[in-house]
N, C-alpha and C. Protein backbone atom coordinates (compact mmCIF):
# COMPACT_ATOMS: atom_id res chain seq x y z
N MET A 1 9.16 -26.16 2.35
CA MET A 1 9.37 -24.77 2.19
C MET A 1 8.64 -24.13 3.40
N THR A 2 9.43 -23.19 3.91
CA THR A 2 8.99 -22.45 5.00
C THR A 2 8.99 -20.99 4.85
N ARG A 3 7.86 -20.30 5.30
CA ARG A 3 7.70 -18.88 5.01
C ARG A 3 7.77 -18.03 6.33
N LEU A 4 8.50 -17.07 6.54
CA LEU A 4 8.75 -16.37 7.67
C LEU A 4 8.62 -14.79 7.09
N THR A 5 8.29 -13.97 8.26
CA THR A 5 8.45 -12.58 7.73
C THR A 5 9.79 -12.15 7.86
N LEU A 6 10.14 -11.08 7.26
CA LEU A 6 11.56 -10.64 7.30
C LEU A 6 12.20 -10.47 8.69
N HIS A 7 11.25 -9.83 9.54
CA HIS A 7 11.73 -9.68 10.86
C HIS A 7 12.03 -11.02 11.62
N GLN A 8 11.25 -12.10 11.38
CA GLN A 8 11.40 -13.32 11.98
C GLN A 8 12.68 -13.99 11.37
N TYR A 9 12.95 -13.90 10.09
CA TYR A 9 14.07 -14.38 9.37
C TYR A 9 15.41 -13.71 9.79
N VAL A 10 15.35 -12.54 10.12
CA VAL A 10 16.56 -11.75 10.68
C VAL A 10 16.78 -12.08 12.13
N ALA A 11 15.78 -12.20 12.84
CA ALA A 11 15.87 -12.66 14.38
C ALA A 11 16.63 -14.10 14.40
N LEU A 12 16.38 -14.92 13.46
CA LEU A 12 17.15 -16.22 13.44
C LEU A 12 18.50 -16.20 13.08
N HIS A 13 18.70 -15.41 11.89
CA HIS A 13 19.95 -15.40 11.22
C HIS A 13 20.89 -14.09 11.19
N GLY A 14 20.12 -12.91 11.66
CA GLY A 14 20.99 -11.73 11.60
C GLY A 14 21.02 -10.98 10.21
N GLN A 15 21.01 -9.85 10.16
CA GLN A 15 21.13 -8.84 9.02
C GLN A 15 22.06 -9.21 8.07
N GLU A 16 23.28 -9.42 8.35
CA GLU A 16 24.45 -9.77 7.51
C GLU A 16 24.04 -11.09 6.60
N LYS A 17 23.86 -12.05 7.29
CA LYS A 17 23.41 -13.29 6.67
C LYS A 17 22.22 -13.29 5.68
N THR A 18 21.17 -12.40 6.40
CA THR A 18 19.90 -12.33 5.51
C THR A 18 20.29 -11.53 4.23
N ALA A 19 21.04 -10.43 4.38
CA ALA A 19 21.46 -9.67 3.27
C ALA A 19 22.12 -10.51 2.17
N LYS A 20 23.09 -11.23 2.59
CA LYS A 20 23.81 -12.22 1.63
C LYS A 20 23.03 -13.35 0.96
N ALA A 21 22.01 -13.81 1.81
CA ALA A 21 21.12 -14.85 1.31
C ALA A 21 20.18 -14.24 0.08
N LEU A 22 19.95 -13.04 0.35
CA LEU A 22 18.90 -12.37 -0.55
C LEU A 22 19.61 -11.54 -1.73
N GLY A 23 20.96 -11.42 -1.57
CA GLY A 23 21.73 -10.71 -2.71
C GLY A 23 21.65 -9.23 -2.40
N VAL A 24 21.47 -8.79 -1.23
CA VAL A 24 21.38 -7.15 -1.16
C VAL A 24 22.27 -6.74 -0.06
N TYR A 25 22.46 -5.42 0.26
CA TYR A 25 23.20 -4.87 1.09
C TYR A 25 22.63 -5.03 2.45
N GLN A 26 23.37 -5.03 3.59
CA GLN A 26 22.76 -5.27 5.01
C GLN A 26 22.06 -3.85 5.25
N SER A 27 22.31 -2.68 4.72
CA SER A 27 21.58 -1.44 4.77
C SER A 27 20.26 -1.52 4.43
N ALA A 28 20.03 -2.45 3.16
CA ALA A 28 18.59 -2.52 2.57
C ALA A 28 17.73 -3.14 3.46
N ILE A 29 18.33 -4.36 4.28
CA ILE A 29 17.67 -4.96 5.24
C ILE A 29 17.20 -4.09 6.42
N CYS A 30 18.26 -3.28 7.04
CA CYS A 30 17.84 -2.55 8.08
C CYS A 30 16.93 -1.56 7.63
N LYS A 31 16.85 -0.96 6.58
CA LYS A 31 15.93 0.03 6.14
C LYS A 31 14.43 -0.56 6.07
N ALA A 32 14.36 -1.88 5.52
CA ALA A 32 13.23 -2.39 5.40
C ALA A 32 12.56 -2.85 6.59
N LEU A 33 13.30 -3.11 7.67
CA LEU A 33 12.75 -3.46 8.97
C LEU A 33 12.44 -2.14 9.67
N LYS A 34 13.26 -1.12 9.51
CA LYS A 34 12.82 0.30 10.17
C LYS A 34 11.50 0.82 9.47
N THR A 35 11.20 0.53 8.32
CA THR A 35 10.22 1.11 7.69
C THR A 35 8.89 0.09 7.83
N ALA A 36 9.09 -0.97 8.41
CA ALA A 36 8.02 -1.92 8.73
C ALA A 36 7.49 -2.44 7.33
N ARG A 37 8.31 -2.68 6.30
CA ARG A 37 7.70 -3.24 5.11
C ARG A 37 7.35 -4.60 5.22
N GLN A 38 6.27 -4.95 4.56
CA GLN A 38 5.71 -6.38 4.49
C GLN A 38 6.25 -7.41 3.57
N ILE A 39 7.40 -7.90 4.09
CA ILE A 39 8.14 -8.84 3.30
C ILE A 39 8.41 -10.13 3.79
N THR A 40 8.11 -11.11 3.03
CA THR A 40 7.89 -12.43 3.44
C THR A 40 9.19 -13.35 2.85
N VAL A 41 9.77 -13.93 3.55
CA VAL A 41 10.97 -14.72 3.16
C VAL A 41 10.64 -16.23 3.15
N THR A 42 10.83 -16.84 1.93
CA THR A 42 10.53 -18.16 1.78
C THR A 42 11.93 -18.92 1.66
N VAL A 43 12.08 -19.95 2.42
CA VAL A 43 13.23 -21.02 2.60
C VAL A 43 12.81 -22.22 1.91
N TYR A 44 13.26 -22.62 0.85
CA TYR A 44 13.12 -23.73 0.26
C TYR A 44 14.03 -25.11 0.82
N PRO A 45 13.45 -26.06 0.62
CA PRO A 45 14.14 -27.45 1.12
C PRO A 45 15.57 -27.59 0.71
N ASN A 46 15.91 -26.92 -0.35
CA ASN A 46 17.28 -27.06 -0.84
C ASN A 46 18.15 -25.92 -0.10
N GLY A 47 17.63 -25.05 0.66
CA GLY A 47 18.35 -24.12 1.29
C GLY A 47 18.22 -22.80 0.63
N GLU A 48 17.76 -22.65 -0.62
CA GLU A 48 17.56 -21.46 -1.33
C GLU A 48 16.70 -20.57 -0.59
N VAL A 49 16.87 -19.28 -0.67
CA VAL A 49 16.03 -18.23 0.00
C VAL A 49 15.46 -17.22 -0.97
N SER A 50 14.27 -16.92 -0.84
CA SER A 50 13.70 -15.73 -1.89
C SER A 50 12.89 -14.88 -0.80
N ALA A 51 12.43 -13.67 -1.28
CA ALA A 51 11.68 -12.84 -0.60
C ALA A 51 10.74 -12.04 -1.63
N GLU A 52 9.77 -11.82 -1.08
CA GLU A 52 8.52 -11.01 -1.84
C GLU A 52 7.85 -9.98 -0.85
N GLU A 53 7.45 -8.86 -1.49
CA GLU A 53 6.95 -7.87 -0.65
C GLU A 53 5.34 -7.65 -1.07
N ILE A 54 4.57 -7.43 -0.29
CA ILE A 54 3.16 -7.22 -0.44
C ILE A 54 3.06 -5.82 -0.32
N LYS A 55 2.51 -5.03 -1.33
CA LYS A 55 2.28 -3.64 -1.33
C LYS A 55 0.84 -3.33 -1.74
N PRO A 56 0.39 -2.27 -1.16
CA PRO A 56 -1.08 -1.82 -1.55
C PRO A 56 -1.27 -1.40 -2.99
N PHE A 57 -2.42 -1.86 -3.66
CA PHE A 57 -2.49 -1.43 -4.84
C PHE A 57 -3.70 -0.68 -5.01
N PRO A 58 -4.03 0.51 -5.72
CA PRO A 58 -2.79 1.28 -6.31
C PRO A 58 -2.02 1.80 -5.02
N ASN A 59 -0.89 2.39 -5.43
CA ASN A 59 -0.04 3.07 -4.49
C ASN A 59 -0.63 4.27 -4.02
N GLN A 60 -0.75 4.45 -2.54
CA GLN A 60 -1.41 5.61 -2.06
C GLN A 60 -0.95 6.92 -2.59
N ARG A 61 0.34 6.95 -2.91
CA ARG A 61 0.87 8.24 -3.51
C ARG A 61 0.21 8.57 -4.87
N HIS A 62 0.02 7.54 -5.64
CA HIS A 62 -0.39 7.75 -7.00
C HIS A 62 -2.05 8.09 -6.91
N GLN A 63 -2.70 7.60 -5.86
CA GLN A 63 -4.13 7.97 -5.72
C GLN A 63 -4.30 9.53 -5.48
N ALA A 64 -3.36 10.10 -4.59
CA ALA A 64 -3.50 11.40 -4.30
C ALA A 64 -3.28 12.29 -5.64
N ASP A 65 -2.57 11.82 -6.67
CA ASP A 65 -2.12 12.55 -7.85
C ASP A 65 -3.42 12.52 -8.78
N PHE A 66 -4.19 11.34 -8.64
CA PHE A 66 -5.48 11.43 -9.51
C PHE A 66 -6.66 12.12 -8.87
N ALA A 67 -6.63 12.26 -7.53
CA ALA A 67 -7.64 13.04 -6.92
C ALA A 67 -7.69 14.62 -7.21
N ALA A 68 -6.42 15.01 -7.50
CA ALA A 68 -6.45 16.64 -7.75
C ALA A 68 -6.85 16.99 -8.89
């Protein structure tokens, strides 16, 4: 099992192949890269690819709602 950042995986395989492997549109990969989302891509020995995102908890937008 290999773990890479989304940026690293795209640098190796390109946005189109990354999108196809993850089951999303190429535009979603482009947007994730532009907004610097913290996405980790896992490549399994059988060639399967999955991804997960690390997000702050609680979401910063919701903290502002509770502060008012």
